[in-house]
Amino acid sequence: MKQNLKSNFTLVYGNKNQQSIVFFEELEGFENMYINRFVFINILSRERLDAALNIGRINNKKAKRIRQVD
């Protein structure tokens, strides 16, 4: 992303809960550094969140919905 200023990247990352997210701070840092170019989407299988899209497991149906939103 440093070399290609036109590139965009969306990371859909599945975890059990907020505490189990590996590299959380680093990924949020990338999201803040590359605003509108790097999107970090957390899908948590064992934690309730406000957005239904971010709850459960990553499957084909959820991936299609994420692509529509992104």
PDB file of N, CA and C in Angstrom:
ATOM      1  N   MET A   1       0.814  -1.179   0.000  1.00  0.00           N
ATOM      2  CA  MET A   1       0.000   0.000   0.000  1.00  0.00           C
ATOM      3  C   MET A   1       0.869   1.258   0.000  1.00  0.00           C
ATOM      4  N   LYS A   2       2.063   1.135   0.518  1.00  0.00           N
ATOM      5  CA  LYS A   2       2.977   2.277   0.480  1.00  0.00           C
ATOM      6  C   LYS A   2       3.426   2.571  -0.944  1.00  0.00           C
ATOM      7  N   GLN A   3       3.653   1.513  -1.735  1.00  0.00           N
ATOM      8  CA  GLN A   3       4.180   1.676  -3.084  1.00  0.00           C
ATOM      9  C   GLN A   3       3.096   1.967  -4.109  1.00  0.00           C
ATOM     10  N   ASN A   4       1.921   1.384  -3.929  1.00  0.00           N
ATOM     11  CA  ASN A   4       0.831   1.588  -4.879  1.00  0.00           C
ATOM     12  C   ASN A   4      -0.267   2.401  -4.199  1.00  0.00           C
ATOM     13  N   LEU A   5      -0.293   3.681  -4.454  1.00  0.00           N
ATOM     14  CA  LEU A   5      -1.226   4.582  -3.786  1.00  0.00           C
ATOM     15  C   LEU A   5      -2.669   4.406  -4.237  1.00  0.00           C
ATOM     16  N   LYS A   6      -2.886   3.630  -5.289  1.00  0.00           N
ATOM     17  CA  LYS A   6      -4.241   3.395  -5.780  1.00  0.00           C
ATOM     18  C   LYS A   6      -4.839   2.094  -5.252  1.00  0.00           C
ATOM     19  N   SER A   7      -4.059   1.314  -4.530  1.00  0.00           N
ATOM     20  CA  SER A   7      -4.551   0.020  -4.057  1.00  0.00           C
ATOM     21  C   SER A   7      -5.479   0.183  -2.856  1.00  0.00           C
ATOM     22  N   ASN A   8      -6.450  -0.716  -2.778  1.00  0.00           N
ATOM     23  CA  ASN A   8      -7.387  -0.797  -1.660  1.00  0.00           C
ATOM     24  C   ASN A   8      -7.376  -2.225  -1.152  1.00  0.00           C
ATOM     25  N   PHE A   9      -7.623  -2.389   0.149  1.00  0.00           N
ATOM     26  CA  PHE A   9      -7.579  -3.720   0.734  1.00  0.00           C
ATOM     27  C   PHE A   9      -8.634  -3.822   1.822  1.00  0.00           C
ATOM     28  N   THR A  10      -9.410  -4.906   1.791  1.00  0.00           N
ATOM     29  CA  THR A  10     -10.384  -5.183   2.838  1.00  0.00           C
ATOM     30  C   THR A  10     -10.016  -6.501   3.489  1.00  0.00           C
ATOM     31  N   LEU A  11      -9.823  -6.472   4.808  1.00  0.00           N
ATOM     32  CA  LEU A  11      -9.519  -7.673   5.579  1.00  0.00           C
ATOM     33  C   LEU A  11     -10.749  -8.051   6.384  1.00  0.00           C
ATOM     34  N   VAL A  12     -11.306  -9.218   6.101  1.00  0.00           N
ATOM     35  CA  VAL A  12     -12.415  -9.763   6.874  1.00  0.00           C
ATOM     36  C   VAL A  12     -11.803 -10.803   7.789  1.00  0.00           C
ATOM     37  N   TYR A  13     -11.878 -10.551   9.086  1.00  0.00           N
ATOM     38  CA  TYR A  13     -11.112 -11.306  10.073  1.00  0.00           C
ATOM     39  C   TYR A  13     -12.063 -11.919  11.083  1.00  0.00           C
ATOM     40  N   GLY A  14     -12.077 -13.242  11.185  1.00  0.00           N
ATOM     41  CA  GLY A  14     -12.970 -13.939  12.096  1.00  0.00           C
ATOM     42  C   GLY A  14     -12.279 -14.367  13.377  1.00  0.00           C
ATOM     43  N   ASN A  15     -12.923 -14.092  14.503  1.00  0.00           N
ATOM     44  CA  ASN A  15     -12.417 -14.461  15.822  1.00  0.00           C
ATOM     45  C   ASN A  15     -13.586 -14.789  16.745  1.00  0.00           C
ATOM     46  N   LYS A  16     -13.265 -15.369  17.907  1.00  0.00           N
ATOM     47  CA  LYS A  16     -14.306 -15.687  18.888  1.00  0.00           C
ATOM     48  C   LYS A  16     -14.860 -14.430  19.547  1.00  0.00           C
ATOM     49  N   ASN A  17     -13.960 -13.562  20.010  1.00  0.00           N
ATOM     50  CA  ASN A  17     -14.363 -12.350  20.720  1.00  0.00           C
ATOM     51  C   ASN A  17     -13.265 -11.298  20.574  1.00  0.00           C
ATOM     52  N   GLN A  18     -13.526 -10.117  21.106  1.00  0.00           N
ATOM     53  CA  GLN A  18     -12.566  -9.009  20.986  1.00  0.00           C
ATOM     54  C   GLN A  18     -11.197  -9.377  21.549  1.00  0.00           C
ATOM     55  N   GLN A  19     -11.179 -10.092  22.666  1.00  0.00           N
ATOM     56  CA  GLN A  19      -9.917 -10.434  23.323  1.00  0.00           C
ATOM     57  C   GLN A  19      -9.067 -11.407  22.513  1.00  0.00           C
ATOM     58  N   SER A  20      -9.664 -12.143  21.599  1.00  0.00           N
ATOM     59  CA  SER A  20      -8.918 -13.143  20.832  1.00  0.00           C
ATOM     60  C   SER A  20      -8.389 -12.617  19.497  1.00  0.00           C
ATOM     61  N   ILE A  21      -8.573 -11.340  19.217  1.00  0.00           N
ATOM     62  CA  ILE A  21      -8.123 -10.767  17.947  1.00  0.00           C
ATOM     63  C   ILE A  21      -6.614 -10.538  18.005  1.00  0.00           C
ATOM     64  N   VAL A  22      -5.877 -11.314  17.233  1.00  0.00           N
ATOM     65  CA  VAL A  22      -4.422 -11.185  17.164  1.00  0.00           C
ATOM     66  C   VAL A  22      -4.083  -9.963  16.307  1.00  0.00           C
ATOM     67  N   PHE A  23      -3.120  -9.179  16.738  1.00  0.00           N
ATOM     68  CA  PHE A  23      -2.664  -7.978  16.027  1.00  0.00           C
ATOM     69  C   PHE A  23      -3.743  -6.904  15.909  1.00  0.00           C
ATOM     70  N   PHE A  24      -4.662  -6.856  16.863  1.00  0.00           N
ATOM     71  CA  PHE A  24      -5.764  -5.891  16.816  1.00  0.00           C
ATOM     72  C   PHE A  24      -5.259  -4.452  16.711  1.00  0.00           C
ATOM     73  N   GLU A  25      -4.344  -4.073  17.584  1.00  0.00           N
ATOM     74  CA  GLU A  25      -3.844  -2.694  17.586  1.00  0.00           C
ATOM     75  C   GLU A  25      -3.122  -2.351  16.284  1.00  0.00           C
ATOM     76  N   GLU A  26      -2.354  -3.299  15.771  1.00  0.00           N
ATOM     77  CA  GLU A  26      -1.634  -3.065  14.522  1.00  0.00           C
ATOM     78  C   GLU A  26      -2.599  -2.885  13.350  1.00  0.00           C
ATOM     79  N   LEU A  27      -3.639  -3.732  13.310  1.00  0.00           N
ATOM     80  CA  LEU A  27      -4.615  -3.648  12.224  1.00  0.00           C
ATOM     81  C   LEU A  27      -5.415  -2.354  12.300  1.00  0.00           C
ATOM     82  N   GLU A  28      -5.775  -1.935  13.497  1.00  0.00           N
ATOM     83  CA  GLU A  28      -6.449  -0.644  13.642  1.00  0.00           C
ATOM     84  C   GLU A  28      -5.525   0.496  13.219  1.00  0.00           C
ATOM     85  N   GLY A  29      -4.229   0.333  13.506  1.00  0.00           N
ATOM     86  CA  GLY A  29      -3.252   1.333  13.076  1.00  0.00           C
ATOM     87  C   GLY A  29      -3.203   1.461  11.563  1.00  0.00           C
ATOM     88  N   PHE A  30      -3.213   0.325  10.866  1.00  0.00           N
ATOM     89  CA  PHE A  30      -3.249   0.353   9.395  1.00  0.00           C
ATOM     90  C   PHE A  30      -4.515   1.051   8.910  1.00  0.00           C
ATOM     91  N   GLU A  31      -5.632   0.720   9.555  1.00  0.00           N
ATOM     92  CA  GLU A  31      -6.899   1.324   9.151  1.00  0.00           C
ATOM     93  C   GLU A  31      -6.856   2.848   9.323  1.00  0.00           C
ATOM     94  N   ASN A  32      -6.246   3.311  10.392  1.00  0.00           N
ATOM     95  CA  ASN A  32      -6.119   4.754  10.618  1.00  0.00           C
ATOM     96  C   ASN A  32      -5.096   5.392   9.677  1.00  0.00           C
ATOM     97  N   MET A  33      -4.039   4.658   9.356  1.00  0.00           N
ATOM     98  CA  MET A  33      -2.993   5.171   8.476  1.00  0.00           C
ATOM     99  C   MET A  33      -3.470   5.259   7.025  1.00  0.00           C
ATOM    100  N   TYR A  34      -4.230   4.259   6.597  1.00  0.00           N
ATOM    101  CA  TYR A  34      -4.691   4.184   5.206  1.00  0.00           C
ATOM    102  C   TYR A  34      -6.209   4.355   5.143  1.00  0.00           C
ATOM    103  N   ILE A  35      -6.682   5.473   5.660  1.00  0.00           N
ATOM    104  CA  ILE A  35      -8.121   5.751   5.690  1.00  0.00           C
ATOM    105  C   ILE A  35      -8.682   5.666   4.272  1.00  0.00           C
ATOM    106  N   ASN A  36      -9.801   4.980   4.136  1.00  0.00           N
ATOM    107  CA  ASN A  36     -10.501   4.768   2.857  1.00  0.00           C
ATOM    108  C   ASN A  36      -9.765   3.824   1.912  1.00  0.00           C
ATOM    109  N   ARG A  37      -8.622   3.275   2.332  1.00  0.00           N
ATOM    110  CA  ARG A  37      -7.892   2.337   1.480  1.00  0.00           C
ATOM    111  C   ARG A  37      -7.754   0.975   2.142  1.00  0.00           C
ATOM    112  N   PHE A  38      -7.741   0.939   3.470  1.00  0.00           N
ATOM    113  CA  PHE A  38      -7.645  -0.315   4.213  1.00  0.00           C
ATOM    114  C   PHE A  38      -8.849  -0.406   5.139  1.00  0.00           C
ATOM    115  N   VAL A  39      -9.638  -1.459   4.949  1.00  0.00           N
ATOM    116  CA  VAL A  39     -10.828  -1.672   5.772  1.00  0.00           C
ATOM    117  C   VAL A  39     -10.635  -2.961   6.555  1.00  0.00           C
ATOM    118  N   PHE A  40     -10.824  -2.879   7.852  1.00  0.00           N
ATOM    119  CA  PHE A  40     -10.642  -3.994   8.777  1.00  0.00           C
ATOM    120  C   PHE A  40     -12.009  -4.345   9.353  1.00  0.00           C
ATOM    121  N   ILE A  41     -12.556  -5.497   8.937  1.00  0.00           N
ATOM    122  CA  ILE A  41     -13.878  -5.929   9.380  1.00  0.00           C
ATOM    123  C   ILE A  41     -13.723  -7.130  10.301  1.00  0.00           C
ATOM    124  N   ASN A  42     -14.187  -6.977  11.540  1.00  0.00           N
ATOM    125  CA  ASN A  42     -14.148  -8.066  12.517  1.00  0.00           C
ATOM    126  C   ASN A  42     -15.467  -8.817  12.503  1.00  0.00           C
ATOM    127  N   ILE A  43     -15.388 -10.128  12.412  1.00  0.00           N
ATOM    128  CA  ILE A  43     -16.557 -10.985  12.556  1.00  0.00           C
ATOM    129  C   ILE A  43     -16.312 -11.815  13.812  1.00  0.00           C
ATOM    130  N   LEU A  44     -17.163 -11.642  14.817  1.00  0.00           N
ATOM    131  CA  LEU A  44     -16.963 -12.322  16.094  1.00  0.00           C
ATOM    132  C   LEU A  44     -18.053 -13.370  16.303  1.00  0.00           C
ATOM    133  N   SER A  45     -17.640 -14.613  16.512  1.00  0.00           N
ATOM    134  CA  SER A  45     -18.594 -15.716  16.608  1.00  0.00           C
ATOM    135  C   SER A  45     -19.220 -15.859  17.991  1.00  0.00           C
ATOM    136  N   ARG A  46     -18.572 -15.356  19.027  1.00  0.00           N
ATOM    137  CA  ARG A  46     -19.089 -15.566  20.383  1.00  0.00           C
ATOM    138  C   ARG A  46     -19.254 -14.278  21.175  1.00  0.00           C
ATOM    139  N   GLU A  47     -19.523 -13.206  20.479  1.00  0.00           N
ATOM    140  CA  GLU A  47     -19.720 -11.927  21.162  1.00  0.00           C
ATOM    141  C   GLU A  47     -20.817 -11.158  20.451  1.00  0.00           C
ATOM    142  N   ARG A  48     -21.694 -10.551  21.202  1.00  0.00           N
ATOM    143  CA  ARG A  48     -22.802  -9.789  20.629  1.00  0.00           C
ATOM    144  C   ARG A  48     -22.342  -8.380  20.292  1.00  0.00           C
ATOM    145  N   LEU A  49     -22.644  -7.955  19.085  1.00  0.00           N
ATOM    146  CA  LEU A  49     -22.315  -6.609  18.631  1.00  0.00           C
ATOM    147  C   LEU A  49     -23.579  -5.945  18.102  1.00  0.00           C
ATOM    148  N   ASP A  50     -23.510  -4.653  17.859  1.00  0.00           N
ATOM    149  CA  ASP A  50     -24.667  -3.915  17.349  1.00  0.00           C
ATOM    150  C   ASP A  50     -25.031  -4.305  15.919  1.00  0.00           C
ATOM    151  N   ALA A  51     -24.038  -4.534  15.089  1.00  0.00           N
ATOM    152  CA  ALA A  51     -24.275  -4.833  13.674  1.00  0.00           C
ATOM    153  C   ALA A  51     -24.350  -6.343  13.446  1.00  0.00           C
ATOM    154  N   ALA A  52     -25.458  -6.807  12.884  1.00  0.00           N
ATOM    155  CA  ALA A  52     -25.637  -8.238  12.631  1.00  0.00           C
ATOM    156  C   ALA A  52     -24.578  -8.792  11.688  1.00  0.00           C
ATOM    157  N   LEU A  53     -24.067  -7.958  10.811  1.00  0.00           N
ATOM    158  CA  LEU A  53     -23.050  -8.391   9.851  1.00  0.00           C
ATOM    159  C   LEU A  53     -21.772  -8.839  10.553  1.00  0.00           C
ATOM    160  N   ASN A  54     -21.503  -8.303  11.733  1.00  0.00           N
ATOM    161  CA  ASN A  54     -20.265  -8.599  12.456  1.00  0.00           C
ATOM    162  C   ASN A  54     -20.404  -9.731  13.468  1.00  0.00           C
ATOM    163  N   ILE A  55     -21.524 -10.442  13.449  1.00  0.00           N
ATOM    164  CA  ILE A  55     -21.764 -11.528  14.396  1.00  0.00           C
ATOM    165  C   ILE A  55     -21.825 -12.851  13.647  1.00  0.00           C
ATOM    166  N   GLY A  56     -21.233 -13.895  14.222  1.00  0.00           N
ATOM    167  CA  GLY A  56     -21.322 -15.233  13.650  1.00  0.00           C
ATOM    168  C   GLY A  56     -20.029 -15.674  13.004  1.00  0.00           C
ATOM    169  N   ARG A  57     -20.165 -16.561  12.068  1.00  0.00           N
ATOM    170  CA  ARG A  57     -19.000 -17.094  11.362  1.00  0.00           C
ATOM    171  C   ARG A  57     -18.985 -16.573   9.926  1.00  0.00           C
ATOM    172  N   ILE A  58     -17.796 -16.548   9.360  1.00  0.00           N
ATOM    173  CA  ILE A  58     -17.659 -16.121   7.967  1.00  0.00           C
ATOM    174  C   ILE A  58     -18.071 -17.288   7.074  1.00  0.00           C
ATOM    175  N   ASN A  59     -19.052 -17.048   6.216  1.00  0.00           N
ATOM    176  CA  ASN A  59     -19.492 -18.059   5.259  1.00  0.00           C
ATOM    177  C   ASN A  59     -19.775 -17.348   3.929  1.00  0.00           C
ATOM    178  N   ASN A  60     -20.202 -18.092   2.937  1.00  0.00           N
ATOM    179  CA  ASN A  60     -20.438 -17.504   1.608  1.00  0.00           C
ATOM    180  C   ASN A  60     -21.479 -16.392   1.642  1.00  0.00           C
ATOM    181  N   LYS A  61     -22.570 -16.618   2.365  1.00  0.00           N
ATOM    182  CA  LYS A  61     -23.642 -15.625   2.434  1.00  0.00           C
ATOM    183  C   LYS A  61     -23.136 -14.325   3.060  1.00  0.00           C
ATOM    184  N   LYS A  62     -22.400 -14.442   4.147  1.00  0.00           N
ATOM    185  CA  LYS A  62     -21.869 -13.259   4.827  1.00  0.00           C
ATOM    186  C   LYS A  62     -20.835 -12.554   3.945  1.00  0.00           C
ATOM    187  N   ALA A  63     -20.000 -13.313   3.258  1.00  0.00           N
ATOM    188  CA  ALA A  63     -18.994 -12.721   2.371  1.00  0.00           C
ATOM    189  C   ALA A  63     -19.663 -11.918   1.253  1.00  0.00           C
ATOM    190  N   LYS A  64     -20.751 -12.433   0.699  1.00  0.00           N
ATOM    191  CA  LYS A  64     -21.477 -11.704  -0.347  1.00  0.00           C
ATOM    192  C   LYS A  64     -22.068 -10.412   0.204  1.00  0.00           C
ATOM    193  N   ARG A  65     -22.605 -10.457   1.423  1.00  0.00           N
ATOM    194  CA  ARG A  65     -23.164  -9.248   2.044  1.00  0.00           C
ATOM    195  C   ARG A  65     -22.072  -8.215   2.299  1.00  0.00           C
ATOM    196  N   ILE A  66     -20.910  -8.668   2.729  1.00  0.00           N
ATOM    197  CA  ILE A  66     -19.797  -7.752   2.981  1.00  0.00           C
ATOM    198  C   ILE A  66     -19.367  -7.074   1.684  1.00  0.00           C
ATOM    199  N   ARG A  67     -19.315  -7.830   0.614  1.00  0.00           N
ATOM    200  CA  ARG A  67     -18.924  -7.246  -0.689  1.00  0.00           C
ATOM    201  C   ARG A  67     -19.922  -6.191  -1.141  1.00  0.00           C
ATOM    202  N   GLN A  68     -21.214  -6.407  -0.844  1.00  0.00           N
ATOM    203  CA  GLN A  68     -22.238  -5.428  -1.211  1.00  0.00           C
ATOM    204  C   GLN A  68     -22.080  -4.140  -0.408  1.00  0.00           C
ATOM    205  N   VAL A  69     -21.731  -4.271   0.872  1.00  0.00           N
ATOM    206  CA  VAL A  69     -21.567  -3.108   1.747  1.00  0.00           C
ATOM    207  C   VAL A  69     -20.282  -2.380   1.431  1.00  0.00           C
ATOM    208  N   ASP A  70     -19.208  -3.143   1.165  1.00  0.00           N
ATOM    209  CA  ASP A  70     -17.888  -2.568   0.898  1.00  0.00           C
ATOM    210  C   ASP A  70     -17.912  -1.937  -0.449  1.00  0.00           C
TER     211      ASP A  70
END
